Amino acid sequence: MFRKMRRNPMQLLCEDQSIAILKKATSGVLAVYDGEYPYGVPLSYTMVGDKLYFHSANKGHKLDAIATNKKASFTVIDADEIVPEELTTYFRSVIVFGETRVLESVEEKKEALMLLADKYSKGFEEKAEAEADELMKAVTIIEFQIEHISGKEAIELAKVRKAEGSENK
């Protein structure tokens, strides 16, 4: 169902490397499809297990698209260094594919909001909890169940990783 990478297999990141990048990054682009056009939107997120969580307004293009088609992808760029003298970029990125779900229960929404707060506002849990309670009706939480992960990096970065002996870490 998911395509294999068509470049040098050495550029492929293992699942653990890809997950580490997803856990470290603070934003990415969620791509959804509304039946007419693909729609990519930059979002902050958090990852817990094999799920990502995003917060959203209660209405908008993203939610309309998810109501039409629950399948989505999410892309995170970990490195993007332009190297003009080599006519290339040293890149590292991860794409995940999966299915979205809008959380309905107040308990699920609150838990996801607190997970987001834990990532972005550590040390401000009380303030985050108060704001979560206050904004509960004005916020939608999207859960993204990861079905497939694909990580890739520039051959130059892969060679460095191999030389350091960290190709499977």
N, C-alpha and C. Protein backbone atom coordinates (compact mmCIF):
# COMPACT_ATOMS: atom_id res chain seq x y z
N MET A 1 0.83 -1.19 0.00
CA MET A 1 0.00 0.00 0.00
C MET A 1 0.87 1.26 0.00
N PHE A 2 1.91 1.31 0.83
CA PHE A 2 2.78 2.48 0.87
C PHE A 2 3.99 2.22 -0.02
N ARG A 3 4.40 3.23 -0.74
CA ARG A 3 5.50 3.10 -1.69
C ARG A 3 6.84 2.98 -0.97
N LYS A 4 7.74 2.24 -1.60
CA LYS A 4 9.11 2.17 -1.09
C LYS A 4 9.87 3.37 -1.60
N MET A 5 10.86 3.80 -0.82
CA MET A 5 11.69 4.91 -1.24
C MET A 5 12.47 4.50 -2.49
N ARG A 6 12.56 5.39 -3.47
CA ARG A 6 13.21 5.04 -4.72
C ARG A 6 14.65 5.49 -4.82
N ARG A 7 15.18 6.13 -3.82
CA ARG A 7 16.58 6.58 -3.83
C ARG A 7 17.47 5.55 -3.15
N ASN A 8 18.72 5.93 -2.94
CA ASN A 8 19.70 5.10 -2.28
C ASN A 8 19.17 4.63 -0.92
N PRO A 9 19.12 3.32 -0.68
CA PRO A 9 18.60 2.81 0.59
C PRO A 9 19.37 3.34 1.81
N MET A 10 20.62 3.76 1.59
CA MET A 10 21.43 4.30 2.68
C MET A 10 20.80 5.58 3.24
N GLN A 11 19.99 6.27 2.43
CA GLN A 11 19.36 7.52 2.85
C GLN A 11 18.14 7.30 3.73
N LEU A 12 17.65 6.08 3.75
CA LEU A 12 16.46 5.76 4.53
C LEU A 12 16.77 5.77 6.02
N LEU A 13 15.97 6.48 6.78
CA LEU A 13 16.12 6.48 8.23
C LEU A 13 15.34 5.31 8.80
N CYS A 14 15.88 4.68 9.83
CA CYS A 14 15.14 3.60 10.47
C CYS A 14 13.97 4.19 11.26
N GLU A 15 13.07 3.34 11.67
CA GLU A 15 11.87 3.81 12.38
C GLU A 15 12.23 4.56 13.66
N ASP A 16 13.21 4.06 14.41
CA ASP A 16 13.60 4.73 15.66
C ASP A 16 14.13 6.14 15.40
N GLN A 17 14.91 6.31 14.34
CA GLN A 17 15.43 7.64 13.98
C GLN A 17 14.27 8.56 13.59
N SER A 18 13.36 8.04 12.82
CA SER A 18 12.20 8.83 12.38
C SER A 18 11.34 9.25 13.57
N ILE A 19 11.12 8.33 14.49
CA ILE A 19 10.32 8.64 15.68
C ILE A 19 11.03 9.70 16.53
N ALA A 20 12.34 9.58 16.67
CA ALA A 20 13.10 10.58 17.45
C ALA A 20 12.94 11.97 16.84
N ILE A 21 12.96 12.05 15.52
CA ILE A 21 12.77 13.34 14.84
C ILE A 21 11.37 13.86 15.10
N LEU A 22 10.37 13.00 15.00
CA LEU A 22 8.98 13.41 15.26
C LEU A 22 8.81 13.91 16.69
N LYS A 23 9.45 13.26 17.63
CA LYS A 23 9.32 13.67 19.03
C LYS A 23 10.02 14.99 19.29
N LYS A 24 11.12 15.24 18.61
CA LYS A 24 11.93 16.45 18.83
C LYS A 24 11.33 17.68 18.15
N ALA A 25 10.80 17.52 16.96
CA ALA A 25 10.31 18.66 16.18
C ALA A 25 9.13 19.33 16.87
N THR A 26 8.93 20.60 16.54
CA THR A 26 7.83 21.36 17.16
C THR A 26 6.73 21.72 16.17
N SER A 27 6.98 21.53 14.88
CA SER A 27 5.93 21.82 13.90
C SER A 27 6.14 21.00 12.64
N GLY A 28 5.09 20.91 11.87
CA GLY A 28 5.13 20.19 10.61
C GLY A 28 3.93 20.62 9.78
N VAL A 29 3.73 19.93 8.66
CA VAL A 29 2.63 20.26 7.77
C VAL A 29 1.69 19.07 7.67
N LEU A 30 0.44 19.30 8.07
CA LEU A 30 -0.61 18.30 7.93
C LEU A 30 -1.23 18.46 6.54
N ALA A 31 -1.27 17.36 5.79
CA ALA A 31 -1.87 17.38 4.46
C ALA A 31 -3.15 16.55 4.48
N VAL A 32 -4.24 17.19 4.10
CA VAL A 32 -5.54 16.54 4.04
C VAL A 32 -6.10 16.76 2.64
N TYR A 33 -7.19 16.05 2.33
CA TYR A 33 -7.78 16.17 1.00
C TYR A 33 -9.28 16.35 1.13
N ASP A 34 -9.78 17.44 0.55
CA ASP A 34 -11.21 17.75 0.68
C ASP A 34 -12.06 17.23 -0.46
N GLY A 35 -11.48 16.40 -1.33
CA GLY A 35 -12.22 15.86 -2.46
C GLY A 35 -11.99 16.67 -3.73
N GLU A 36 -11.44 17.86 -3.57
CA GLU A 36 -11.17 18.70 -4.73
C GLU A 36 -9.69 19.04 -4.84
N TYR A 37 -9.10 19.49 -3.75
CA TYR A 37 -7.68 19.85 -3.74
C TYR A 37 -7.02 19.32 -2.47
N PRO A 38 -5.72 18.97 -2.56
CA PRO A 38 -4.98 18.71 -1.33
C PRO A 38 -4.83 20.02 -0.57
N TYR A 39 -4.76 19.93 0.75
CA TYR A 39 -4.62 21.12 1.60
C TYR A 39 -3.57 20.82 2.65
N GLY A 40 -2.49 21.58 2.63
CA GLY A 40 -1.43 21.42 3.62
C GLY A 40 -1.42 22.61 4.55
N VAL A 41 -1.38 22.34 5.85
CA VAL A 41 -1.42 23.42 6.83
C VAL A 41 -0.34 23.18 7.89
N PRO A 42 0.50 24.20 8.15
CA PRO A 42 1.51 24.05 9.20
C PRO A 42 0.85 24.04 10.59
N LEU A 43 1.31 23.11 11.43
CA LEU A 43 0.72 22.97 12.76
C LEU A 43 1.77 22.59 13.80
N SER A 44 1.53 23.01 15.02
CA SER A 44 2.26 22.49 16.17
C SER A 44 1.57 21.19 16.55
N TYR A 45 2.31 20.33 17.23
CA TYR A 45 1.74 19.01 17.55
C TYR A 45 2.51 18.40 18.71
N THR A 46 1.98 17.29 19.18
CA THR A 46 2.74 16.46 20.10
C THR A 46 2.53 15.01 19.69
N MET A 47 3.48 14.17 20.06
CA MET A 47 3.42 12.75 19.72
C MET A 47 3.43 11.93 21.00
N VAL A 48 2.49 11.00 21.08
CA VAL A 48 2.43 10.06 22.20
C VAL A 48 2.17 8.69 21.60
N GLY A 49 3.11 7.77 21.81
CA GLY A 49 2.97 6.44 21.21
C GLY A 49 2.96 6.57 19.69
N ASP A 50 1.96 5.99 19.08
CA ASP A 50 1.85 6.05 17.61
C ASP A 50 0.77 7.03 17.18
N LYS A 51 0.57 8.07 17.99
CA LYS A 51 -0.45 9.09 17.68
C LYS A 51 0.14 10.49 17.78
N LEU A 52 -0.35 11.35 16.91
CA LEU A 52 -0.04 12.77 16.96
C LEU A 52 -1.32 13.49 17.36
N TYR A 53 -1.16 14.64 18.04
CA TYR A 53 -2.32 15.46 18.43
C TYR A 53 -2.09 16.90 17.99
N PHE A 54 -3.13 17.47 17.41
CA PHE A 54 -3.13 18.86 16.96
C PHE A 54 -4.33 19.57 17.57
N HIS A 55 -4.21 20.86 17.84
CA HIS A 55 -5.39 21.62 18.25
C HIS A 55 -5.79 22.53 17.09
N SER A 56 -7.06 22.87 17.07
CA SER A 56 -7.63 23.58 15.94
C SER A 56 -8.82 24.41 16.41
N ALA A 57 -9.18 25.38 15.58
CA ALA A 57 -10.45 26.05 15.79
C ALA A 57 -11.57 25.03 15.51
N ASN A 58 -12.78 25.38 15.83
CA ASN A 58 -13.90 24.46 15.64
C ASN A 58 -14.42 24.39 14.20
N LYS A 59 -13.99 25.31 13.37
CA LYS A 59 -14.43 25.32 11.98
C LYS A 59 -13.27 25.68 11.09
N GLY A 60 -13.34 25.23 9.82
CA GLY A 60 -12.32 25.62 8.87
C GLY A 60 -12.05 24.55 7.84
N HIS A 61 -11.19 24.90 6.90
CA HIS A 61 -10.86 24.04 5.76
C HIS A 61 -10.34 22.68 6.23
N LYS A 62 -9.44 22.69 7.19
CA LYS A 62 -8.82 21.45 7.69
C LYS A 62 -9.90 20.48 8.19
N LEU A 63 -10.81 20.96 9.01
CA LEU A 63 -11.86 20.10 9.56
C LEU A 63 -12.87 19.68 8.50
N ASP A 64 -13.15 20.55 7.55
CA ASP A 64 -14.04 20.18 6.45
C ASP A 64 -13.41 19.04 5.64
N ALA A 65 -12.10 19.14 5.39
CA ALA A 65 -11.41 18.10 4.63
C ALA A 65 -11.40 16.78 5.40
N ILE A 66 -11.14 16.84 6.70
CA ILE A 66 -11.12 15.63 7.53
C ILE A 66 -12.50 14.97 7.55
N ALA A 67 -13.55 15.77 7.54
CA ALA A 67 -14.91 15.20 7.50
C ALA A 67 -15.16 14.47 6.18
N THR A 68 -14.49 14.92 5.12
CA THR A 68 -14.62 14.30 3.80
C THR A 68 -13.76 13.05 3.67
N ASN A 69 -12.53 13.13 4.19
CA ASN A 69 -11.58 12.03 4.04
C ASN A 69 -10.66 12.01 5.26
N LYS A 70 -10.72 10.97 6.04
CA LYS A 70 -9.96 10.89 7.29
C LYS A 70 -8.47 10.59 7.07
N LYS A 71 -8.10 10.13 5.89
CA LYS A 71 -6.69 9.83 5.61
C LYS A 71 -5.91 11.13 5.44
N ALA A 72 -4.66 11.11 5.95
CA ALA A 72 -3.84 12.32 5.91
C ALA A 72 -2.37 11.93 5.96
N SER A 73 -1.53 12.92 5.73
CA SER A 73 -0.10 12.75 5.96
C SER A 73 0.39 13.96 6.74
N PHE A 74 1.54 13.77 7.39
CA PHE A 74 2.14 14.84 8.18
C PHE A 74 3.64 14.80 7.94
N THR A 75 4.22 15.95 7.61
CA THR A 75 5.63 16.04 7.27
C THR A 75 6.36 16.96 8.24
N VAL A 76 7.52 16.50 8.69
CA VAL A 76 8.40 17.28 9.56
C VAL A 76 9.76 17.39 8.88
N ILE A 77 10.32 18.59 8.84
CA ILE A 77 11.66 18.80 8.30
C ILE A 77 12.61 19.01 9.47
N ASP A 78 13.59 18.13 9.56
CA ASP A 78 14.55 18.18 10.66
C ASP A 78 15.80 18.96 10.28
N ALA A 79 16.19 18.90 9.02
CA ALA A 79 17.38 19.61 8.54
C ALA A 79 17.12 20.09 7.12
N ASP A 80 17.63 21.25 6.81
CA ASP A 80 17.48 21.81 5.46
C ASP A 80 18.56 22.86 5.25
N GLU A 81 19.77 22.40 5.03
CA GLU A 81 20.91 23.29 4.86
C GLU A 81 21.25 23.42 3.38
N ILE A 82 21.16 24.61 2.87
CA ILE A 82 21.51 24.84 1.46
C ILE A 82 23.03 24.83 1.35
N VAL A 83 23.53 24.05 0.37
CA VAL A 83 24.97 23.97 0.12
C VAL A 83 25.18 24.39 -1.34
N PRO A 84 25.29 25.71 -1.58
CA PRO A 84 25.32 26.21 -2.95
C PRO A 84 26.47 25.67 -3.79
N GLU A 85 27.65 25.52 -3.19
CA GLU A 85 28.80 25.06 -3.97
C GLU A 85 28.67 23.62 -4.43
N GLU A 86 27.74 22.87 -3.80
CA GLU A 86 27.48 21.49 -4.21
C GLU A 86 26.18 21.37 -5.00
N LEU A 87 25.51 22.49 -5.20
CA LEU A 87 24.23 22.52 -5.92
C LEU A 87 23.20 21.58 -5.29
N THR A 88 23.14 21.60 -3.97
CA THR A 88 22.24 20.68 -3.28
C THR A 88 21.84 21.24 -1.92
N THR A 89 21.03 20.48 -1.22
CA THR A 89 20.71 20.77 0.18
C THR A 89 20.99 19.51 0.99
N TYR A 90 21.40 19.72 2.23
CA TYR A 90 21.54 18.62 3.17
C TYR A 90 20.24 18.60 3.97
N PHE A 91 19.38 17.66 3.65
CA PHE A 91 18.04 17.61 4.24
C PHE A 91 17.86 16.35 5.06
N ARG A 92 16.90 16.41 5.96
CA ARG A 92 16.44 15.25 6.71
C ARG A 92 14.97 15.51 7.02
N SER A 93 14.11 14.57 6.68
CA SER A 93 12.69 14.77 6.92
C SER A 93 12.00 13.44 7.19
N VAL A 94 10.82 13.57 7.76
CA VAL A 94 10.00 12.40 8.07
C VAL A 94 8.58 12.69 7.60
N ILE A 95 7.97 11.69 6.99
CA ILE A 95 6.56 11.78 6.59
C ILE A 95 5.84 10.60 7.24
N VAL A 96 4.71 10.90 7.86
CA VAL A 96 3.87 9.84 8.40
C VAL A 96 2.53 9.87 7.67
N PHE A 97 1.98 8.69 7.51
CA PHE A 97 0.67 8.54 6.89
C PHE A 97 -0.25 7.89 7.90
N GLY A 98 -1.51 8.28 7.88
CA GLY A 98 -2.43 7.68 8.82
C GLY A 98 -3.83 8.21 8.67
N GLU A 99 -4.60 7.99 9.72
CA GLU A 99 -6.00 8.38 9.72
C GLU A 99 -6.27 9.33 10.88
N THR A 100 -7.08 10.33 10.60
CA THR A 100 -7.42 11.33 11.60
C THR A 100 -8.76 11.04 12.26
N ARG A 101 -8.90 11.59 13.44
CA ARG A 101 -10.15 11.48 14.18
C ARG A 101 -10.29 12.73 15.03
N VAL A 102 -11.46 13.32 15.00
CA VAL A 102 -11.73 14.47 15.85
C VAL A 102 -12.19 13.94 17.20
N LEU A 103 -11.49 14.36 18.26
CA LEU A 103 -11.85 13.89 19.60
C LEU A 103 -13.15 14.54 20.04
N GLU A 104 -14.02 13.75 20.61
CA GLU A 104 -15.35 14.24 20.99
C GLU A 104 -15.50 14.50 22.48
N SER A 105 -14.98 13.60 23.31
CA SER A 105 -15.23 13.73 24.75
C SER A 105 -14.36 14.82 25.37
N VAL A 106 -14.90 15.46 26.36
CA VAL A 106 -14.19 16.50 27.09
C VAL A 106 -12.92 15.92 27.71
N GLU A 107 -13.00 14.69 28.22
CA GLU A 107 -11.85 14.06 28.86
C GLU A 107 -10.71 13.86 27.86
N GLU A 108 -11.04 13.34 26.67
CA GLU A 108 -10.01 13.13 25.64
C GLU A 108 -9.40 14.46 25.21
N LYS A 109 -10.24 15.45 25.00
CA LYS A 109 -9.74 16.76 24.58
C LYS A 109 -8.82 17.36 25.63
N LYS A 110 -9.24 17.28 26.88
CA LYS A 110 -8.44 17.85 27.97
C LYS A 110 -7.10 17.13 28.08
N GLU A 111 -7.12 15.82 27.98
CA GLU A 111 -5.87 15.05 28.06
C GLU A 111 -4.92 15.45 26.93
N ALA A 112 -5.45 15.58 25.72
CA ALA A 112 -4.61 15.97 24.58
C ALA A 112 -4.08 17.39 24.74
N LEU A 113 -4.91 18.30 25.24
CA LEU A 113 -4.45 19.68 25.48
C LEU A 113 -3.32 19.70 26.50
N MET A 114 -3.43 18.87 27.51
CA MET A 114 -2.38 18.83 28.54
C MET A 114 -1.11 18.20 27.98
N LEU A 115 -1.24 17.25 27.06
CA LEU A 115 -0.05 16.69 26.40
C LEU A 115 0.65 17.76 25.56
N LEU A 116 -0.14 18.57 24.87
CA LEU A 116 0.43 19.68 24.09
C LEU A 116 1.11 20.69 25.02
N ALA A 117 0.45 20.99 26.14
CA ALA A 117 1.02 21.93 27.11
C ALA A 117 2.32 21.38 27.69
N ASP A 118 2.36 20.08 27.91
CA ASP A 118 3.56 19.47 28.46
C ASP A 118 4.75 19.64 27.50
N LYS A 119 4.47 19.58 26.21
CA LYS A 119 5.55 19.74 25.22
C LYS A 119 5.97 21.20 25.09
N TYR A 120 5.02 22.11 25.06
CA TYR A 120 5.32 23.50 24.71
C TYR A 120 5.38 24.46 25.90
N SER A 121 4.83 24.07 27.03
CA SER A 121 4.75 25.00 28.17
C SER A 121 5.11 24.31 29.48
N LYS A 122 6.16 23.50 29.45
CA LYS A 122 6.58 22.80 30.67
C LYS A 122 6.82 23.81 31.79
N GLY A 123 6.32 23.46 32.97
CA GLY A 123 6.47 24.36 34.11
C GLY A 123 5.28 25.28 34.30
N PHE A 124 4.36 25.27 33.35
CA PHE A 124 3.18 26.14 33.43
C PHE A 124 1.90 25.29 33.39
N GLU A 125 1.94 24.14 34.03
CA GLU A 125 0.83 23.19 33.98
C GLU A 125 -0.46 23.77 34.54
N GLU A 126 -0.36 24.49 35.66
CA GLU A 126 -1.59 25.06 36.26
C GLU A 126 -2.23 26.06 35.31
N LYS A 127 -1.43 26.93 34.73
CA LYS A 127 -1.94 27.92 33.79
C LYS A 127 -2.54 27.23 32.56
N ALA A 128 -1.85 26.19 32.07
CA ALA A 128 -2.34 25.45 30.90
C ALA A 128 -3.66 24.76 31.21
N GLU A 129 -3.77 24.19 32.39
CA GLU A 129 -5.01 23.50 32.76
C GLU A 129 -6.18 24.48 32.87
N ALA A 130 -5.92 25.64 33.44
CA ALA A 130 -6.97 26.66 33.55
C ALA A 130 -7.41 27.13 32.16
N GLU A 131 -6.44 27.34 31.28
CA GLU A 131 -6.78 27.78 29.92
C GLU A 131 -7.52 26.68 29.17
N ALA A 132 -7.10 25.43 29.35
CA ALA A 132 -7.77 24.32 28.69
C ALA A 132 -9.23 24.25 29.12
N ASP A 133 -9.48 24.40 30.41
CA ASP A 133 -10.86 24.38 30.91
C ASP A 133 -11.67 25.53 30.32
N GLU A 134 -11.05 26.70 30.24
CA GLU A 134 -11.74 27.89 29.73
C GLU A 134 -12.06 27.78 28.23
N LEU A 135 -11.15 27.19 27.47
CA LEU A 135 -11.29 27.15 26.01
C LEU A 135 -11.88 25.85 25.47
N MET A 136 -12.28 24.96 26.33
CA MET A 136 -12.71 23.63 25.91
C MET A 136 -13.74 23.65 24.78
N LYS A 137 -14.71 24.55 24.85
CA LYS A 137 -15.75 24.60 23.81
C LYS A 137 -15.27 25.27 22.53
N ALA A 138 -14.20 26.04 22.62
CA ALA A 138 -13.71 26.80 21.45
C ALA A 138 -12.59 26.08 20.71
N VAL A 139 -12.24 24.88 21.15
CA VAL A 139 -11.11 24.18 20.54
C VAL A 139 -11.53 22.78 20.09
N THR A 140 -10.95 22.37 18.98
CA THR A 140 -11.12 21.01 18.48
C THR A 140 -9.75 20.34 18.53
N ILE A 141 -9.73 19.09 18.89
CA ILE A 141 -8.49 18.32 18.93
C ILE A 141 -8.57 17.22 17.88
N ILE A 142 -7.52 17.14 17.09
CA ILE A 142 -7.42 16.13 16.04
C ILE A 142 -6.38 15.11 16.47
N GLU A 143 -6.78 13.85 16.45
CA GLU A 143 -5.86 12.75 16.72
C GLU A 143 -5.47 12.13 15.38
N PHE A 144 -4.20 11.89 15.19
CA PHE A 144 -3.67 11.31 13.96
C PHE A 144 -3.04 9.97 14.33
N GLN A 145 -3.66 8.87 13.90
CA GLN A 145 -3.15 7.52 14.16
C GLN A 145 -2.15 7.18 13.06
N ILE A 146 -0.88 7.03 13.44
CA ILE A 146 0.16 6.74 12.46
C ILE A 146 0.04 5.30 11.98
N GLU A 147 0.02 5.14 10.65
CA GLU A 147 -0.01 3.82 10.04
C GLU A 147 1.32 3.48 9.36
N HIS A 148 2.05 4.50 8.91
CA HIS A 148 3.30 4.27 8.19
C HIS A 148 4.22 5.47 8.40
N ILE A 149 5.52 5.18 8.60
CA ILE A 149 6.53 6.22 8.78
C ILE A 149 7.60 6.05 7.71
N SER A 150 8.01 7.17 7.14
CA SER A 150 9.08 7.16 6.15
C SER A 150 10.02 8.33 6.44
N GLY A 151 11.27 8.02 6.75
CA GLY A 151 12.26 9.05 7.00
C GLY A 151 13.39 8.96 5.98
N LYS A 152 13.91 10.11 5.59
CA LYS A 152 14.93 10.15 4.55
C LYS A 152 15.86 11.32 4.81
N GLU A 153 17.13 11.15 4.42
CA GLU A 153 18.09 12.24 4.54
C GLU A 153 18.99 12.29 3.31
N ALA A 154 19.63 13.42 3.13
CA ALA A 154 20.57 13.60 2.03
C ALA A 154 21.67 12.56 2.12
N ILE A 155 22.16 12.12 0.99
CA ILE A 155 23.22 11.12 0.96
C ILE A 155 24.44 11.58 1.76
N GLU A 156 24.72 12.87 1.73
CA GLU A 156 25.87 13.41 2.46
C GLU A 156 25.70 13.21 3.97
N LEU A 157 24.49 13.42 4.47
CA LEU A 157 24.23 13.20 5.90
C LEU A 157 24.25 11.71 6.23
N ALA A 158 23.75 10.89 5.31
CA ALA A 158 23.77 9.44 5.51
C ALA A 158 25.21 8.92 5.61
N LYS A 159 26.09 9.46 4.79
CA LYS A 159 27.50 9.05 4.82
C LYS A 159 28.15 9.43 6.16
N VAL A 160 27.82 10.61 6.66
CA VAL A 160 28.34 11.04 7.96
C VAL A 160 27.82 10.10 9.06
N ARG A 161 26.53 9.81 9.00
CA ARG A 161 25.91 8.92 9.99
C ARG A 161 26.57 7.54 9.96
N LYS A 162 26.82 7.02 8.76
CA LYS A 162 27.46 5.71 8.62
C LYS A 162 28.88 5.74 9.16
N ALA A 163 29.63 6.81 8.85
CA ALA A 163 31.01 6.94 9.33
C ALA A 163 31.07 7.00 10.85
N GLU A 164 30.04 7.59 11.46
CA GLU A 164 29.97 7.68 12.92
C GLU A 164 29.46 6.39 13.55
N GLY A 165 29.01 5.46 12.69
CA GLY A 165 28.51 4.19 13.21
C GLY A 165 27.14 4.27 13.83
N SER A 166 26.36 5.28 13.45
CA SER A 166 25.02 5.45 14.05
C SER A 166 23.92 5.21 13.05
N GLU A 167 24.16 4.36 12.04
CA GLU A 167 23.15 4.19 10.99
C GLU A 167 21.84 3.55 11.45
N ASN A 168 21.86 2.84 12.55
CA ASN A 168 20.61 2.21 13.01
C ASN A 168 20.20 2.67 14.39
N LYS A 169 20.66 3.84 14.79
CA LYS A 169 20.33 4.34 16.11
C LYS A 169 19.28 5.40 16.02
